[in-house]
Amino acid sequence: MTERHTYRVIVRGTWDGLTEEARARLVAEAAGHGLDSMRFTEEGTLSYEPRPLKHFSMRFVVVSDAADGEEMAGALAEDRAETALRELGYGFAGLRSTVTDLDTMKINRKSASRR
């Protein structure tokens, strides 16, 4: 059995070619996609600012083989983002991802003298 790692991936992009209907829907639903919606989930959470309606981000949890590394986790998350945005009817461009491997992340704990 191969070792599996859990990754947190932020996929960022730019809205592109939005229809007037899609633009209106995004503006109307913006309150549900602000700072309080920023959670890492398997299906991804979408967040953006309605004014100006320019950039967005989606946060994903990806579990995959450690041997495939962060690059594969980023590619999987970008694929999930593309699928979700297309299903919602939203045009987008320039997807790029930032990946954190939770299994190799170093945690700096405060020493007792620094509390």
PDB file of N, CA and C in Angstrom:
ATOM      1  N   MET A   1       0.845  -1.183   0.000  1.00  0.00           N
ATOM      2  CA  MET A   1       0.000   0.000   0.000  1.00  0.00           C
ATOM      3  C   MET A   1       0.889   1.244   0.000  1.00  0.00           C
ATOM      4  N   THR A   2       0.526   2.219  -0.790  1.00  0.00           N
ATOM      5  CA  THR A   2       1.324   3.435  -0.877  1.00  0.00           C
ATOM      6  C   THR A   2       0.926   4.432   0.200  1.00  0.00           C
ATOM      7  N   GLU A   3       1.887   5.248   0.560  1.00  0.00           N
ATOM      8  CA  GLU A   3       1.640   6.279   1.567  1.00  0.00           C
ATOM      9  C   GLU A   3       0.784   7.384   0.950  1.00  0.00           C
ATOM     10  N   ARG A   4      -0.217   7.832   1.706  1.00  0.00           N
ATOM     11  CA  ARG A   4      -1.103   8.896   1.240  1.00  0.00           C
ATOM     12  C   ARG A   4      -0.834  10.153   2.061  1.00  0.00           C
ATOM     13  N   HIS A   5      -0.876  11.296   1.414  1.00  0.00           N
ATOM     14  CA  HIS A   5      -0.720  12.573   2.092  1.00  0.00           C
ATOM     15  C   HIS A   5      -1.965  13.421   1.882  1.00  0.00           C
ATOM     16  N   THR A   6      -2.204  14.304   2.819  1.00  0.00           N
ATOM     17  CA  THR A   6      -3.320  15.246   2.728  1.00  0.00           C
ATOM     18  C   THR A   6      -2.745  16.617   2.389  1.00  0.00           C
ATOM     19  N   TYR A   7      -3.317  17.220   1.361  1.00  0.00           N
ATOM     20  CA  TYR A   7      -2.857  18.517   0.889  1.00  0.00           C
ATOM     21  C   TYR A   7      -3.987  19.540   1.000  1.00  0.00           C
ATOM     22  N   ARG A   8      -3.627  20.754   1.350  1.00  0.00           N
ATOM     23  CA  ARG A   8      -4.551  21.889   1.258  1.00  0.00           C
ATOM     24  C   ARG A   8      -4.117  22.670   0.035  1.00  0.00           C
ATOM     25  N   VAL A   9      -5.072  22.887  -0.856  1.00  0.00           N
ATOM     26  CA  VAL A   9      -4.758  23.554  -2.119  1.00  0.00           C
ATOM     27  C   VAL A   9      -5.670  24.767  -2.303  1.00  0.00           C
ATOM     28  N   ILE A  10      -5.059  25.909  -2.600  1.00  0.00           N
ATOM     29  CA  ILE A  10      -5.806  27.104  -2.957  1.00  0.00           C
ATOM     30  C   ILE A  10      -5.635  27.303  -4.456  1.00  0.00           C
ATOM     31  N   VAL A  11      -6.745  27.285  -5.170  1.00  0.00           N
ATOM     32  CA  VAL A  11      -6.737  27.525  -6.608  1.00  0.00           C
ATOM     33  C   VAL A  11      -7.261  28.943  -6.826  1.00  0.00           C
ATOM     34  N   ARG A  12      -6.470  29.756  -7.502  1.00  0.00           N
ATOM     35  CA  ARG A  12      -6.861  31.145  -7.787  1.00  0.00           C
ATOM     36  C   ARG A  12      -7.063  31.307  -9.286  1.00  0.00           C
ATOM     37  N   GLY A  13      -7.944  32.229  -9.632  1.00  0.00           N
ATOM     38  CA  GLY A  13      -8.187  32.499 -11.041  1.00  0.00           C
ATOM     39  C   GLY A  13      -8.872  33.834 -11.228  1.00  0.00           C
ATOM     40  N   THR A  14      -9.181  34.130 -12.467  1.00  0.00           N
ATOM     41  CA  THR A  14      -9.833  35.370 -12.844  1.00  0.00           C
ATOM     42  C   THR A  14     -11.128  35.028 -13.568  1.00  0.00           C
ATOM     43  N   TRP A  15     -12.195  35.754 -13.257  1.00  0.00           N
ATOM     44  CA  TRP A  15     -13.436  35.570 -13.996  1.00  0.00           C
ATOM     45  C   TRP A  15     -13.186  36.019 -15.431  1.00  0.00           C
ATOM     46  N   ASP A  16     -13.740  35.288 -16.388  1.00  0.00           N
ATOM     47  CA  ASP A  16     -13.504  35.609 -17.789  1.00  0.00           C
ATOM     48  C   ASP A  16     -14.719  35.187 -18.612  1.00  0.00           C
ATOM     49  N   GLY A  17     -15.216  36.093 -19.439  1.00  0.00           N
ATOM     50  CA  GLY A  17     -16.319  35.756 -20.332  1.00  0.00           C
ATOM     51  C   GLY A  17     -17.608  35.429 -19.608  1.00  0.00           C
ATOM     52  N   LEU A  18     -17.856  36.069 -18.473  1.00  0.00           N
ATOM     53  CA  LEU A  18     -19.101  35.814 -17.738  1.00  0.00           C
ATOM     54  C   LEU A  18     -20.291  36.376 -18.505  1.00  0.00           C
ATOM     55  N   THR A  19     -21.371  35.616 -18.547  1.00  0.00           N
ATOM     56  CA  THR A  19     -22.606  36.135 -19.121  1.00  0.00           C
ATOM     57  C   THR A  19     -23.205  37.125 -18.126  1.00  0.00           C
ATOM     58  N   GLU A  20     -24.128  37.938 -18.589  1.00  0.00           N
ATOM     59  CA  GLU A  20     -24.792  38.883 -17.674  1.00  0.00           C
ATOM     60  C   GLU A  20     -25.533  38.129 -16.577  1.00  0.00           C
ATOM     61  N   GLU A  21     -26.132  36.982 -16.920  1.00  0.00           N
ATOM     62  CA  GLU A  21     -26.844  36.166 -15.935  1.00  0.00           C
ATOM     63  C   GLU A  21     -25.881  35.627 -14.874  1.00  0.00           C
ATOM     64  N   ALA A  22     -24.734  35.119 -15.302  1.00  0.00           N
ATOM     65  CA  ALA A  22     -23.740  34.588 -14.360  1.00  0.00           C
ATOM     66  C   ALA A  22     -23.195  35.712 -13.477  1.00  0.00           C
ATOM     67  N   ARG A  23     -22.931  36.857 -14.073  1.00  0.00           N
ATOM     68  CA  ARG A  23     -22.425  38.011 -13.315  1.00  0.00           C
ATOM     69  C   ARG A  23     -23.448  38.426 -12.242  1.00  0.00           C
ATOM     70  N   ALA A  24     -24.714  38.510 -12.625  1.00  0.00           N
ATOM     71  CA  ALA A  24     -25.765  38.896 -11.684  1.00  0.00           C
ATOM     72  C   ALA A  24     -25.896  37.876 -10.556  1.00  0.00           C
ATOM     73  N   ARG A  25     -25.796  36.597 -10.892  1.00  0.00           N
ATOM     74  CA  ARG A  25     -25.883  35.540  -9.876  1.00  0.00           C
ATOM     75  C   ARG A  25     -24.715  35.624  -8.898  1.00  0.00           C
ATOM     76  N   LEU A  26     -23.503  35.850  -9.414  1.00  0.00           N
ATOM     77  CA  LEU A  26     -22.332  35.974  -8.543  1.00  0.00           C
ATOM     78  C   LEU A  26     -22.472  37.163  -7.591  1.00  0.00           C
ATOM     79  N   VAL A  27     -22.924  38.288  -8.096  1.00  0.00           N
ATOM     80  CA  VAL A  27     -23.105  39.468  -7.244  1.00  0.00           C
ATOM     81  C   VAL A  27     -24.176  39.193  -6.194  1.00  0.00           C
ATOM     82  N   ALA A  28     -25.280  38.563  -6.596  1.00  0.00           N
ATOM     83  CA  ALA A  28     -26.376  38.276  -5.666  1.00  0.00           C
ATOM     84  C   ALA A  28     -25.965  37.287  -4.575  1.00  0.00           C
ATOM     85  N   GLU A  29     -25.082  36.347  -4.906  1.00  0.00           N
ATOM     86  CA  GLU A  29     -24.674  35.305  -3.953  1.00  0.00           C
ATOM     87  C   GLU A  29     -23.370  35.625  -3.229  1.00  0.00           C
ATOM     88  N   ALA A  30     -22.833  36.808  -3.440  1.00  0.00           N
ATOM     89  CA  ALA A  30     -21.521  37.170  -2.902  1.00  0.00           C
ATOM     90  C   ALA A  30     -21.433  37.056  -1.383  1.00  0.00           C
ATOM     91  N   ALA A  31     -22.493  37.377  -0.666  1.00  0.00           N
ATOM     92  CA  ALA A  31     -22.453  37.323   0.799  1.00  0.00           C
ATOM     93  C   ALA A  31     -22.127  35.912   1.291  1.00  0.00           C
ATOM     94  N   GLY A  32     -22.520  34.896   0.558  1.00  0.00           N
ATOM     95  CA  GLY A  32     -22.235  33.512   0.938  1.00  0.00           C
ATOM     96  C   GLY A  32     -20.872  33.021   0.499  1.00  0.00           C
ATOM     97  N   HIS A  33     -20.114  33.892  -0.172  1.00  0.00           N
ATOM     98  CA  HIS A  33     -18.805  33.494  -0.686  1.00  0.00           C
ATOM     99  C   HIS A  33     -17.702  34.442  -0.235  1.00  0.00           C
ATOM    100  N   GLY A  34     -17.871  35.023   0.935  1.00  0.00           N
ATOM    101  CA  GLY A  34     -16.883  35.959   1.466  1.00  0.00           C
ATOM    102  C   GLY A  34     -15.898  35.276   2.391  1.00  0.00           C
ATOM    103  N   LEU A  35     -15.329  36.055   3.289  1.00  0.00           N
ATOM    104  CA  LEU A  35     -14.304  35.549   4.201  1.00  0.00           C
ATOM    105  C   LEU A  35     -14.775  34.381   5.062  1.00  0.00           C
ATOM    106  N   ASP A  36     -16.057  34.398   5.501  1.00  0.00           N
ATOM    107  CA  ASP A  36     -16.500  33.301   6.374  1.00  0.00           C
ATOM    108  C   ASP A  36     -16.697  31.991   5.617  1.00  0.00           C
ATOM    109  N   SER A  37     -16.654  32.009   4.301  1.00  0.00           N
ATOM    110  CA  SER A  37     -16.841  30.766   3.544  1.00  0.00           C
ATOM    111  C   SER A  37     -15.522  30.080   3.222  1.00  0.00           C
ATOM    112  N   MET A  38     -14.415  30.645   3.651  1.00  0.00           N
ATOM    113  CA  MET A  38     -13.099  30.105   3.296  1.00  0.00           C
ATOM    114  C   MET A  38     -12.764  28.874   4.131  1.00  0.00           C
ATOM    115  N   ARG A  39     -13.164  27.717   3.627  1.00  0.00           N
ATOM    116  CA  ARG A  39     -12.870  26.446   4.281  1.00  0.00           C
ATOM    117  C   ARG A  39     -12.270  25.498   3.249  1.00  0.00           C
ATOM    118  N   PHE A  40     -11.420  24.620   3.726  1.00  0.00           N
ATOM    119  CA  PHE A  40     -10.843  23.605   2.854  1.00  0.00           C
ATOM    120  C   PHE A  40     -11.747  22.378   2.901  1.00  0.00           C
ATOM    121  N   THR A  41     -12.299  21.996   1.740  1.00  0.00           N
ATOM    122  CA  THR A  41     -13.174  20.828   1.647  1.00  0.00           C
ATOM    123  C   THR A  41     -12.805  20.030   0.398  1.00  0.00           C
ATOM    124  N   GLU A  42     -13.282  18.793   0.336  1.00  0.00           N
ATOM    125  CA  GLU A  42     -13.012  17.966  -0.841  1.00  0.00           C
ATOM    126  C   GLU A  42     -13.630  18.556  -2.099  1.00  0.00           C
ATOM    127  N   GLU A  43     -14.867  19.042  -1.984  1.00  0.00           N
ATOM    128  CA  GLU A  43     -15.553  19.593  -3.154  1.00  0.00           C
ATOM    129  C   GLU A  43     -15.146  21.034  -3.458  1.00  0.00           C
ATOM    130  N   GLY A  44     -14.462  21.664  -2.517  1.00  0.00           N
ATOM    131  CA  GLY A  44     -13.972  23.022  -2.718  1.00  0.00           C
ATOM    132  C   GLY A  44     -14.968  24.080  -2.281  1.00  0.00           C
ATOM    133  N   THR A  45     -14.450  25.186  -1.766  1.00  0.00           N
ATOM    134  CA  THR A  45     -15.297  26.321  -1.433  1.00  0.00           C
ATOM    135  C   THR A  45     -14.825  27.520  -2.243  1.00  0.00           C
ATOM    136  N   LEU A  46     -15.794  28.224  -2.787  1.00  0.00           N
ATOM    137  CA  LEU A  46     -15.538  29.365  -3.652  1.00  0.00           C
ATOM    138  C   LEU A  46     -15.620  30.642  -2.835  1.00  0.00           C
ATOM    139  N   SER A  47     -14.663  31.538  -3.022  1.00  0.00           N
ATOM    140  CA  SER A  47     -14.731  32.848  -2.382  1.00  0.00           C
ATOM    141  C   SER A  47     -14.276  33.913  -3.369  1.00  0.00           C
ATOM    142  N   TYR A  48     -14.894  35.095  -3.237  1.00  0.00           N
ATOM    143  CA  TYR A  48     -14.588  36.209  -4.132  1.00  0.00           C
ATOM    144  C   TYR A  48     -15.216  37.475  -3.576  1.00  0.00           C
ATOM    145  N   GLU A  49     -14.749  38.593  -4.074  1.00  0.00           N
ATOM    146  CA  GLU A  49     -15.317  39.901  -3.745  1.00  0.00           C
ATOM    147  C   GLU A  49     -16.200  40.318  -4.919  1.00  0.00           C
ATOM    148  N   PRO A  50     -17.411  40.834  -4.639  1.00  0.00           N
ATOM    149  CA  PRO A  50     -18.306  41.187  -5.740  1.00  0.00           C
ATOM    150  C   PRO A  50     -17.935  42.478  -6.467  1.00  0.00           C
ATOM    151  N   ARG A  51     -17.224  43.347  -5.802  1.00  0.00           N
ATOM    152  CA  ARG A  51     -16.880  44.625  -6.411  1.00  0.00           C
ATOM    153  C   ARG A  51     -15.412  44.894  -6.232  1.00  0.00           C
ATOM    154  N   PRO A  52     -14.580  44.914  -7.195  1.00  0.00           N
ATOM    155  CA  PRO A  52     -14.950  44.545  -8.561  1.00  0.00           C
ATOM    156  C   PRO A  52     -14.948  43.022  -8.694  1.00  0.00           C
ATOM    157  N   LEU A  53     -15.818  42.521  -9.531  1.00  0.00           N
ATOM    158  CA  LEU A  53     -15.930  41.086  -9.769  1.00  0.00           C
ATOM    159  C   LEU A  53     -14.822  40.693 -10.741  1.00  0.00           C
ATOM    160  N   LYS A  54     -13.646  40.373 -10.174  1.00  0.00           N
ATOM    161  CA  LYS A  54     -12.490  40.119 -11.029  1.00  0.00           C
ATOM    162  C   LYS A  54     -11.804  38.787 -10.718  1.00  0.00           C
ATOM    163  N   HIS A  55     -11.424  38.573  -9.447  1.00  0.00           N
ATOM    164  CA  HIS A  55     -10.673  37.373  -9.066  1.00  0.00           C
ATOM    165  C   HIS A  55     -11.493  36.500  -8.120  1.00  0.00           C
ATOM    166  N   PHE A  56     -11.118  35.230  -8.056  1.00  0.00           N
ATOM    167  CA  PHE A  56     -11.751  34.295  -7.125  1.00  0.00           C
ATOM    168  C   PHE A  56     -10.701  33.315  -6.626  1.00  0.00           C
ATOM    169  N   SER A  57     -11.067  32.590  -5.570  1.00  0.00           N
ATOM    170  CA  SER A  57     -10.230  31.485  -5.110  1.00  0.00           C
ATOM    171  C   SER A  57     -11.143  30.348  -4.677  1.00  0.00           C
ATOM    172  N   MET A  58     -10.616  29.149  -4.763  1.00  0.00           N
ATOM    173  CA  MET A  58     -11.324  27.957  -4.290  1.00  0.00           C
ATOM    174  C   MET A  58     -10.342  27.184  -3.421  1.00  0.00           C
ATOM    175  N   ARG A  59     -10.840  26.663  -2.320  1.00  0.00           N
ATOM    176  CA  ARG A  59      -9.999  25.918  -1.378  1.00  0.00           C
ATOM    177  C   ARG A  59     -10.429  24.451  -1.360  1.00  0.00           C
ATOM    178  N   PHE A  60      -9.426  23.584  -1.508  1.00  0.00           N
ATOM    179  CA  PHE A  60      -9.669  22.145  -1.589  1.00  0.00           C
ATOM    180  C   PHE A  60      -8.796  21.376  -0.608  1.00  0.00           C
ATOM    181  N   VAL A  61      -9.307  20.218  -0.185  1.00  0.00           N
ATOM    182  CA  VAL A  61      -8.506  19.207   0.487  1.00  0.00           C
ATOM    183  C   VAL A  61      -8.351  18.083  -0.521  1.00  0.00           C
ATOM    184  N   VAL A  62      -7.111  17.697  -0.779  1.00  0.00           N
ATOM    185  CA  VAL A  62      -6.822  16.623  -1.728  1.00  0.00           C
ATOM    186  C   VAL A  62      -5.989  15.573  -1.000  1.00  0.00           C
ATOM    187  N   VAL A  63      -6.442  14.328  -1.060  1.00  0.00           N
ATOM    188  CA  VAL A  63      -5.680  13.213  -0.500  1.00  0.00           C
ATOM    189  C   VAL A  63      -5.192  12.386  -1.676  1.00  0.00           C
ATOM    190  N   SER A  64      -3.869  12.253  -1.772  1.00  0.00           N
ATOM    191  CA  SER A  64      -3.312  11.488  -2.889  1.00  0.00           C
ATOM    192  C   SER A  64      -2.003  10.831  -2.470  1.00  0.00           C
ATOM    193  N   ASP A  65      -1.468  10.011  -3.370  1.00  0.00           N
ATOM    194  CA  ASP A  65      -0.224   9.308  -3.083  1.00  0.00           C
ATOM    195  C   ASP A  65       0.902  10.313  -2.848  1.00  0.00           C
ATOM    196  N   ALA A  66       1.648  10.085  -1.794  1.00  0.00           N
ATOM    197  CA  ALA A  66       2.759  10.977  -1.461  1.00  0.00           C
ATOM    198  C   ALA A  66       3.789  11.013  -2.586  1.00  0.00           C
ATOM    199  N   ALA A  67       3.959   9.883  -3.272  1.00  0.00           N
ATOM    200  CA  ALA A  67       4.945   9.810  -4.358  1.00  0.00           C
ATOM    201  C   ALA A  67       4.586  10.747  -5.513  1.00  0.00           C
ATOM    202  N   ASP A  68       3.307  11.042  -5.680  1.00  0.00           N
ATOM    203  CA  ASP A  68       2.872  11.944  -6.749  1.00  0.00           C
ATOM    204  C   ASP A  68       3.176  13.396  -6.412  1.00  0.00           C
ATOM    205  N   GLY A  69       3.299  13.712  -5.139  1.00  0.00           N
ATOM    206  CA  GLY A  69       3.728  15.024  -4.687  1.00  0.00           C
ATOM    207  C   GLY A  69       2.720  16.144  -4.833  1.00  0.00           C
ATOM    208  N   GLU A  70       3.216  17.334  -4.510  1.00  0.00           N
ATOM    209  CA  GLU A  70       2.384  18.537  -4.493  1.00  0.00           C
ATOM    210  C   GLU A  70       1.899  18.926  -5.886  1.00  0.00           C
ATOM    211  N   GLU A  71       2.709  18.670  -6.892  1.00  0.00           N
ATOM    212  CA  GLU A  71       2.315  19.032  -8.256  1.00  0.00           C
ATOM    213  C   GLU A  71       1.036  18.316  -8.669  1.00  0.00           C
ATOM    214  N   MET A  72       0.942  17.029  -8.346  1.00  0.00           N
ATOM    215  CA  MET A  72      -0.261  16.266  -8.677  1.00  0.00           C
ATOM    216  C   MET A  72      -1.454  16.756  -7.874  1.00  0.00           C
ATOM    217  N   ALA A  73      -1.254  17.069  -6.598  1.00  0.00           N
ATOM    218  CA  ALA A  73      -2.348  17.586  -5.768  1.00  0.00           C
ATOM    219  C   ALA A  73      -2.879  18.888  -6.358  1.00  0.00           C
ATOM    220  N   GLY A  74      -1.976  19.758  -6.813  1.00  0.00           N
ATOM    221  CA  GLY A  74      -2.396  21.004  -7.440  1.00  0.00           C
ATOM    222  C   GLY A  74      -3.176  20.753  -8.719  1.00  0.00           C
ATOM    223  N   ALA A  75      -2.721  19.813  -9.530  1.00  0.00           N
ATOM    224  CA  ALA A  75      -3.407  19.491 -10.787  1.00  0.00           C
ATOM    225  C   ALA A  75      -4.800  18.920 -10.517  1.00  0.00           C
ATOM    226  N   LEU A  76      -4.910  18.054  -9.505  1.00  0.00           N
ATOM    227  CA  LEU A  76      -6.216  17.490  -9.156  1.00  0.00           C
ATOM    228  C   LEU A  76      -7.181  18.582  -8.699  1.00  0.00           C
ATOM    229  N   ALA A  77      -6.698  19.499  -7.869  1.00  0.00           N
ATOM    230  CA  ALA A  77      -7.549  20.589  -7.382  1.00  0.00           C
ATOM    231  C   ALA A  77      -7.963  21.509  -8.527  1.00  0.00           C
ATOM    232  N   GLU A  78      -7.037  21.817  -9.428  1.00  0.00           N
ATOM    233  CA  GLU A  78      -7.379  22.672 -10.565  1.00  0.00           C
ATOM    234  C   GLU A  78      -8.426  21.999 -11.450  1.00  0.00           C
ATOM    235  N   ASP A  79      -8.318  20.683 -11.614  1.00  0.00           N
ATOM    236  CA  ASP A  79      -9.316  19.946 -12.392  1.00  0.00           C
ATOM    237  C   ASP A  79     -10.683  20.006 -11.706  1.00  0.00           C
ATOM    238  N   ARG A  80     -10.708  19.849 -10.379  1.00  0.00           N
ATOM    239  CA  ARG A  80     -11.971  19.959  -9.633  1.00  0.00           C
ATOM    240  C   ARG A  80     -12.555  21.354  -9.777  1.00  0.00           C
ATOM    241  N   ALA A  81     -11.711  22.371  -9.719  1.00  0.00           N
ATOM    242  CA  ALA A  81     -12.177  23.755  -9.853  1.00  0.00           C
ATOM    243  C   ALA A  81     -12.787  23.976 -11.238  1.00  0.00           C
ATOM    244  N   GLU A  82     -12.088  23.531 -12.280  1.00  0.00           N
ATOM    245  CA  GLU A  82     -12.601  23.678 -13.646  1.00  0.00           C
ATOM    246  C   GLU A  82     -13.970  23.022 -13.786  1.00  0.00           C
ATOM    247  N   THR A  83     -14.098  21.813 -13.282  1.00  0.00           N
ATOM    248  CA  THR A  83     -15.363  21.083 -13.379  1.00  0.00           C
ATOM    249  C   THR A  83     -16.471  21.832 -12.657  1.00  0.00           C
ATOM    250  N   ALA A  84     -16.216  22.257 -11.427  1.00  0.00           N
ATOM    251  CA  ALA A  84     -17.238  22.951 -10.642  1.00  0.00           C
ATOM    252  C   ALA A  84     -17.652  24.260 -11.304  1.00  0.00           C
ATOM    253  N   LEU A  85     -16.688  25.044 -11.758  1.00  0.00           N
ATOM    254  CA  LEU A  85     -17.009  26.340 -12.372  1.00  0.00           C
ATOM    255  C   LEU A  85     -17.773  26.165 -13.677  1.00  0.00           C
ATOM    256  N   ARG A  86     -17.407  25.172 -14.465  1.00  0.00           N
ATOM    257  CA  ARG A  86     -18.138  24.912 -15.718  1.00  0.00           C
ATOM    258  C   ARG A  86     -19.571  24.480 -15.424  1.00  0.00           C
ATOM    259  N   GLU A  87     -19.747  23.616 -14.411  1.00  0.00           N
ATOM    260  CA  GLU A  87     -21.097  23.176 -14.046  1.00  0.00           C
ATOM    261  C   GLU A  87     -21.966  24.340 -13.588  1.00  0.00           C
ATOM    262  N   LEU A  88     -21.353  25.333 -12.957  1.00  0.00           N
ATOM    263  CA  LEU A  88     -22.083  26.522 -12.507  1.00  0.00           C
ATOM    264  C   LEU A  88     -22.295  27.526 -13.646  1.00  0.00           C
ATOM    265  N   GLY A  89     -21.613  27.315 -14.766  1.00  0.00           N
ATOM    266  CA  GLY A  89     -21.760  28.210 -15.904  1.00  0.00           C
ATOM    267  C   GLY A  89     -20.931  29.469 -15.797  1.00  0.00           C
ATOM    268  N   TYR A  90     -19.821  29.408 -15.062  1.00  0.00           N
ATOM    269  CA  TYR A  90     -18.960  30.572 -14.866  1.00  0.00           C
ATOM    270  C   TYR A  90     -17.722  30.475 -15.743  1.00  0.00           C
ATOM    271  N   GLY A  91     -17.444  31.533 -16.491  1.00  0.00           N
ATOM    272  CA  GLY A  91     -16.226  31.598 -17.287  1.00  0.00           C
ATOM    273  C   GLY A  91     -15.050  32.009 -16.416  1.00  0.00           C
ATOM    274  N   PHE A  92     -13.887  31.453 -16.713  1.00  0.00           N
ATOM    275  CA  PHE A  92     -12.704  31.713 -15.894  1.00  0.00           C
ATOM    276  C   PHE A  92     -11.454  31.579 -16.750  1.00  0.00           C
ATOM    277  N   ALA A  93     -10.347  32.088 -16.207  1.00  0.00           N
ATOM    278  CA  ALA A  93      -9.057  31.980 -16.895  1.00  0.00           C
ATOM    279  C   ALA A  93      -7.949  31.998 -15.858  1.00  0.00           C
ATOM    280  N   GLY A  94      -6.772  31.564 -16.276  1.00  0.00           N
ATOM    281  CA  GLY A  94      -5.557  31.709 -15.478  1.00  0.00           C
ATOM    282  C   GLY A  94      -5.540  30.989 -14.150  1.00  0.00           C
ATOM    283  N   LEU A  95      -6.020  29.751 -14.106  1.00  0.00           N
ATOM    284  CA  LEU A  95      -5.981  29.016 -12.839  1.00  0.00           C
ATOM    285  C   LEU A  95      -4.537  28.712 -12.444  1.00  0.00           C
ATOM    286  N   ARG A  96      -4.252  28.905 -11.177  1.00  0.00           N
ATOM    287  CA  ARG A  96      -2.941  28.559 -10.616  1.00  0.00           C
ATOM    288  C   ARG A  96      -3.177  28.130  -9.182  1.00  0.00           C
ATOM    289  N   SER A  97      -2.324  27.281  -8.678  1.00  0.00           N
ATOM    290  CA  SER A  97      -2.567  26.729  -7.348  1.00  0.00           C
ATOM    291  C   SER A  97      -1.363  26.869  -6.428  1.00  0.00           C
ATOM    292  N   THR A  98      -1.679  26.912  -5.139  1.00  0.00           N
ATOM    293  CA  THR A  98      -0.679  26.912  -4.075  1.00  0.00           C
ATOM    294  C   THR A  98      -1.002  25.699  -3.209  1.00  0.00           C
ATOM    295  N   VAL A  99      -0.007  24.852  -2.968  1.00  0.00           N
ATOM    296  CA  VAL A  99      -0.231  23.576  -2.290  1.00  0.00           C
ATOM    297  C   VAL A  99       0.570  23.507  -0.999  1.00  0.00           C
ATOM    298  N   THR A 100      -0.072  23.007   0.057  1.00  0.00           N
ATOM    299  CA  THR A 100       0.593  22.750   1.330  1.00  0.00           C
ATOM    300  C   THR A 100       0.375  21.285   1.696  1.00  0.00           C
ATOM    301  N   ASP A 101       1.457  20.565   1.913  1.00  0.00           N
ATOM    302  CA  ASP A 101       1.392  19.165   2.333  1.00  0.00           C
ATOM    303  C   ASP A 101       1.278  19.151   3.855  1.00  0.00           C
ATOM    304  N   LEU A 102       0.115  18.776   4.359  1.00  0.00           N
ATOM    305  CA  LEU A 102      -0.113  18.804   5.800  1.00  0.00           C
ATOM    306  C   LEU A 102       0.703  17.748   6.539  1.00  0.00           C
ATOM    307  N   ASP A 103       1.104  16.696   5.843  1.00  0.00           N
ATOM    308  CA  ASP A 103       1.860  15.625   6.488  1.00  0.00           C
ATOM    309  C   ASP A 103       3.341  15.951   6.655  1.00  0.00           C
ATOM    310  N   THR A 104       3.822  16.933   5.930  1.00  0.00           N
ATOM    311  CA  THR A 104       5.234  17.310   6.077  1.00  0.00           C
ATOM    312  C   THR A 104       5.392  18.723   6.638  1.00  0.00           C
ATOM    313  N   MET A 105       4.280  19.361   6.921  1.00  0.00           N
ATOM    314  CA  MET A 105       4.314  20.726   7.433  1.00  0.00           C
ATOM    315  C   MET A 105       4.923  20.743   8.823  1.00  0.00           C
ATOM    316  N   LYS A 106       5.821  21.665   9.032  1.00  0.00           N
ATOM    317  CA  LYS A 106       6.496  21.800  10.314  1.00  0.00           C
ATOM    318  C   LYS A 106       5.675  22.729  11.204  1.00  0.00           C
ATOM    319  N   ILE A 107       5.474  22.325  12.445  1.00  0.00           N
ATOM    320  CA  ILE A 107       4.733  23.151  13.390  1.00  0.00           C
ATOM    321  C   ILE A 107       5.705  23.662  14.433  1.00  0.00           C
ATOM    322  N   ASN A 108       5.795  24.968  14.537  1.00  0.00           N
ATOM    323  CA  ASN A 108       6.652  25.587  15.548  1.00  0.00           C
ATOM    324  C   ASN A 108       5.822  25.842  16.800  1.00  0.00           C
ATOM    325  N   ARG A 109       6.171  25.171  17.833  1.00  0.00           N
ATOM    326  CA  ARG A 109       5.451  25.341  19.100  1.00  0.00           C
ATOM    327  C   ARG A 109       6.193  26.334  19.971  1.00  0.00           C
ATOM    328  N   LYS A 110       5.433  27.120  20.721  1.00  0.00           N
ATOM    329  CA  LYS A 110       6.049  28.079  21.635  1.00  0.00           C
ATOM    330  C   LYS A 110       6.648  27.323  22.815  1.00  0.00           C
ATOM    331  N   SER A 111       7.822  27.730  23.206  1.00  0.00           N
ATOM    332  CA  SER A 111       8.438  27.113  24.375  1.00  0.00           C
ATOM    333  C   SER A 111       7.763  27.671  25.617  1.00  0.00           C
ATOM    334  N   ALA A 112       7.908  26.986  26.734  1.00  0.00           N
ATOM    335  CA  ALA A 112       7.273  27.399  27.987  1.00  0.00           C
ATOM    336  C   ALA A 112       7.742  28.788  28.416  1.00  0.00           C
ATOM    337  N   SER A 113       8.960  29.154  28.080  1.00  0.00           N
ATOM    338  CA  SER A 113       9.484  30.452  28.481  1.00  0.00           C
ATOM    339  C   SER A 113       8.915  31.604  27.646  1.00  0.00           C
ATOM    340  N   ARG A 114       8.288  31.286  26.498  1.00  0.00           N
ATOM    341  CA  ARG A 114       7.758  32.330  25.630  1.00  0.00           C
ATOM    342  C   ARG A 114       6.259  32.528  25.790  1.00  0.00           C
ATOM    343  N   ARG A 115       5.633  31.824  26.691  1.00  0.00           N
ATOM    344  CA  ARG A 115       4.165  31.928  26.866  1.00  0.00           C
ATOM    345  C   ARG A 115       3.763  33.101  27.672  1.00  0.00           C
TER     346      ARG A 115
END
